[in-house]
Amino acid sequence: MEKEYVVLVDEKDKEIGTMEKMQAHHEGKLHRAVSVIIFNSKKEMLLQKRADIKYHSAGLWSNACCSHPRPGEKAIDAAKRRLYEEMGIRCELQEMFNFTYDVKLDNNLQEHEFDHVFAGISDDTPLPDPMEVSAYKYLATADIKMQLKEDANRFSAWFPLIFGHINITN
């Protein structure tokens, strides 16, 4: 298996180097990430359940996909690439916002990311990669809000942070 590298950044998203992905997660180094949110035409959000074989946050619900741009890859290109690789969906994406977060995960890992969050609209039926995704569903944002309030532990650590940034009216 080929090693993956992430782009290390400062607090303003300026590139300062690269590091092997697992090393960056073990050392808690700030690195660039992308997250994708997909809505259908009914304004429901696509959630994926991370596959049970994922190296962290396995079996938890999260947004459509998340990943890291490769060295030299633009954030928008990484977002489109991973949306297709994980969920089998191609659609236009727009950057909504970015933010930095730092959370401890299972397996002595740490997500310290400068996250570029993209959103798109698609009514395509997802074709998830079973190595990445064990299930998916579309939910109204009011239902997501209620589920987060009832048991946030069913979701990835970053999902409530992203969801809290979204200005949703429906």
Protein backbone atom coordinates (compact mmCIF):
# COMPACT_ATOMS: atom_id res chain seq x y z
CA MET A 1 0.00 0.00 0.00
CA GLU A 2 1.43 3.34 -1.07
CA LYS A 3 1.97 5.92 1.65
CA GLU A 4 -0.28 8.98 1.54
CA TYR A 5 0.98 12.45 2.32
CA VAL A 6 -0.87 15.47 3.66
CA VAL A 7 -0.07 19.14 3.25
CA LEU A 8 1.04 20.76 6.50
CA VAL A 9 -0.22 24.32 6.92
CA ASP A 10 -0.07 27.19 9.37
CA GLU A 11 -3.14 28.78 11.01
CA LYS A 12 -3.75 30.82 7.83
CA ASP A 13 -3.64 27.76 5.53
CA LYS A 14 -0.19 28.63 4.18
CA GLU A 15 1.70 25.51 3.12
CA ILE A 16 4.71 24.75 5.29
CA GLY A 17 5.55 21.21 4.15
CA THR A 18 4.24 17.69 3.76
CA MET A 19 4.11 14.69 6.06
CA GLU A 20 3.01 11.09 5.82
CA LYS A 21 -0.70 11.03 6.74
CA MET A 22 -0.56 8.63 9.68
CA GLN A 23 2.46 10.42 11.17
CA ALA A 24 0.57 13.74 10.96
CA HIS A 25 -2.41 12.16 12.74
CA HIS A 26 -0.20 10.61 15.44
CA GLU A 27 1.69 13.86 16.05
CA GLY A 28 -1.36 16.15 15.75
CA LYS A 29 0.23 18.32 13.06
CA LEU A 30 -2.05 20.94 11.48
CA HIS A 31 -2.79 19.89 7.92
CA ARG A 32 -5.19 20.73 5.10
CA ALA A 33 -8.43 18.77 4.77
CA VAL A 34 -11.65 18.85 2.77
CA SER A 35 -15.19 17.99 3.79
CA VAL A 36 -18.14 17.68 1.41
CA ILE A 37 -21.79 18.24 2.21
CA ILE A 38 -24.41 17.11 -0.32
CA PHE A 39 -28.06 18.05 -0.28
CA ASN A 40 -30.75 16.62 -2.53
CA SER A 41 -33.49 18.73 -4.12
CA LYS A 42 -35.68 18.11 -1.03
CA LYS A 43 -33.02 19.92 1.07
CA GLU A 44 -32.12 16.69 2.85
CA MET A 45 -28.46 16.13 3.73
CA LEU A 46 -26.59 13.02 2.62
CA LEU A 47 -24.96 11.21 5.53
CA GLN A 48 -22.59 8.31 5.27
CA LYS A 49 -21.82 5.70 7.88
CA ARG A 50 -18.08 5.17 7.90
CA ALA A 51 -17.06 1.58 7.13
CA ASP A 52 -16.22 -0.63 10.11
CA ILE A 53 -12.70 -1.14 8.71
CA LYS A 54 -11.76 2.57 8.76
CA TYR A 55 -8.64 3.32 10.80
CA HIS A 56 -10.55 5.84 12.93
CA SER A 57 -14.17 6.82 13.59
CA ALA A 58 -15.31 3.48 12.16
CA GLY A 59 -19.06 2.91 12.13
CA LEU A 60 -19.90 6.55 12.85
CA TRP A 61 -22.22 8.77 10.81
CA SER A 62 -20.71 11.75 9.04
CA ASN A 63 -21.09 14.10 6.08
CA ALA A 64 -20.93 12.84 2.47
CA CYS A 65 -17.13 12.57 2.51
CA CYS A 66 -13.92 13.93 3.99
CA SER A 67 -10.33 13.69 2.87
CA HIS A 68 -7.02 15.46 2.41
CA PRO A 69 -5.71 17.19 -0.70
CA ARG A 70 -2.59 15.54 -2.03
CA PRO A 71 0.55 17.65 -2.31
CA GLY A 72 0.02 19.95 -5.30
CA GLU A 73 -3.74 19.25 -5.49
CA LYS A 74 -6.26 22.06 -5.07
CA ALA A 75 -8.82 21.64 -2.29
CA ILE A 76 -11.76 21.75 -4.74
CA ASP A 77 -10.16 19.02 -6.87
CA ALA A 78 -9.60 16.83 -3.80
CA ALA A 79 -13.22 17.34 -2.73
CA LYS A 80 -14.55 16.33 -6.16
CA ARG A 81 -12.16 13.35 -6.37
CA ARG A 82 -13.13 11.97 -2.96
CA LEU A 83 -16.85 12.54 -3.45
CA TYR A 84 -16.67 10.34 -6.54
CA GLU A 85 -14.30 7.76 -4.97
CA GLU A 86 -16.31 7.37 -1.76
CA MET A 87 -19.90 7.98 -2.87
CA GLY A 88 -19.88 7.61 -6.67
CA ILE A 89 -21.33 11.10 -7.09
CA ARG A 90 -20.19 13.87 -9.41
CA CYS A 91 -21.68 17.34 -9.03
CA GLU A 92 -20.70 20.97 -8.85
CA LEU A 93 -19.25 21.99 -5.51
CA GLN A 94 -18.79 25.39 -3.95
CA GLU A 95 -16.65 26.22 -0.95
CA MET A 96 -18.94 27.29 1.90
CA PHE A 97 -16.40 28.08 4.61
CA ASN A 98 -13.23 26.86 6.25
CA PHE A 99 -12.29 26.38 9.87
CA THR A 100 -9.66 24.78 12.05
CA TYR A 101 -10.36 22.07 14.58
CA ASP A 102 -8.31 19.85 16.84
CA VAL A 103 -9.86 16.68 18.32
CA LYS A 104 -8.49 13.50 19.86
CA LEU A 105 -9.72 10.29 18.24
CA ASP A 106 -9.53 6.60 18.97
CA ASN A 107 -6.29 4.70 18.32
CA ASN A 108 -4.14 7.55 19.74
CA LEU A 109 -4.88 9.67 16.69
CA GLN A 110 -5.57 13.37 16.48
CA GLU A 111 -7.40 15.35 13.80
CA HIS A 112 -5.82 18.79 13.69
CA GLU A 113 -7.12 20.14 10.42
CA PHE A 114 -7.62 23.31 8.45
CA ASP A 115 -10.83 22.09 6.82
CA HIS A 116 -12.22 23.48 3.56
CA VAL A 117 -15.94 22.66 3.53
CA PHE A 118 -17.65 22.31 0.15
CA ALA A 119 -21.34 21.85 -0.63
CA GLY A 120 -23.27 20.60 -3.64
CA ILE A 121 -26.71 19.50 -4.72
CA SER A 122 -27.35 16.10 -6.26
CA ASP A 123 -30.26 13.73 -6.68
CA ASP A 124 -27.99 10.98 -8.02
CA THR A 125 -28.20 7.66 -6.21
CA PRO A 126 -24.95 7.17 -4.26
CA LEU A 127 -22.78 4.20 -5.20
CA PRO A 128 -20.61 4.00 -2.08
CA ASP A 129 -17.25 2.26 -1.94
CA PRO A 130 -17.76 -0.49 0.71
CA MET A 131 -14.17 0.00 1.92
CA GLU A 132 -15.13 3.57 2.90
CA VAL A 133 -18.88 3.54 3.56
CA SER A 134 -21.14 0.90 5.14
CA ALA A 135 -24.46 2.77 4.71
CA TYR A 136 -25.93 6.09 3.70
CA LYS A 137 -29.13 8.02 4.19
CA TYR A 138 -30.67 11.40 3.48
CA LEU A 139 -32.06 13.26 6.47
CA ALA A 140 -33.79 16.58 7.00
CA THR A 141 -31.57 18.97 8.91
CA ALA A 142 -34.13 19.16 11.75
CA ASP A 143 -33.80 15.38 12.17
CA ILE A 144 -30.00 15.62 12.18
CA LYS A 145 -30.15 18.36 14.80
CA MET A 146 -32.39 16.16 16.97
CA GLN A 147 -30.10 13.13 16.57
CA LEU A 148 -27.04 15.19 17.45
CA LYS A 149 -28.80 16.39 20.59
CA GLU A 150 -29.89 12.84 21.55
CA ASP A 151 -26.55 11.10 20.95
CA ALA A 152 -23.68 13.00 19.33
CA ASN A 153 -21.46 9.93 19.88
CA ARG A 154 -23.09 8.28 16.84
CA PHE A 155 -21.36 10.90 14.66
CA SER A 156 -17.77 11.61 13.72
CA ALA A 157 -16.06 14.21 15.92
CA TRP A 158 -15.92 16.76 13.10
CA PHE A 159 -19.51 16.42 11.88
CA PRO A 160 -21.19 18.42 14.70
CA LEU A 161 -18.58 21.15 14.15
CA ILE A 162 -19.36 21.33 10.43
CA PHE A 163 -23.11 21.08 11.00
CA GLY A 164 -22.94 23.93 13.50
CA HIS A 165 -21.43 26.22 10.86
CA ILE A 166 -24.17 25.62 8.31
CA ASN A 167 -26.89 28.23 8.00
CA ILE A 168 -29.92 26.10 7.16
CA THR A 169 -33.46 27.32 6.66
CA ASN A 170 -36.11 24.70 6.00
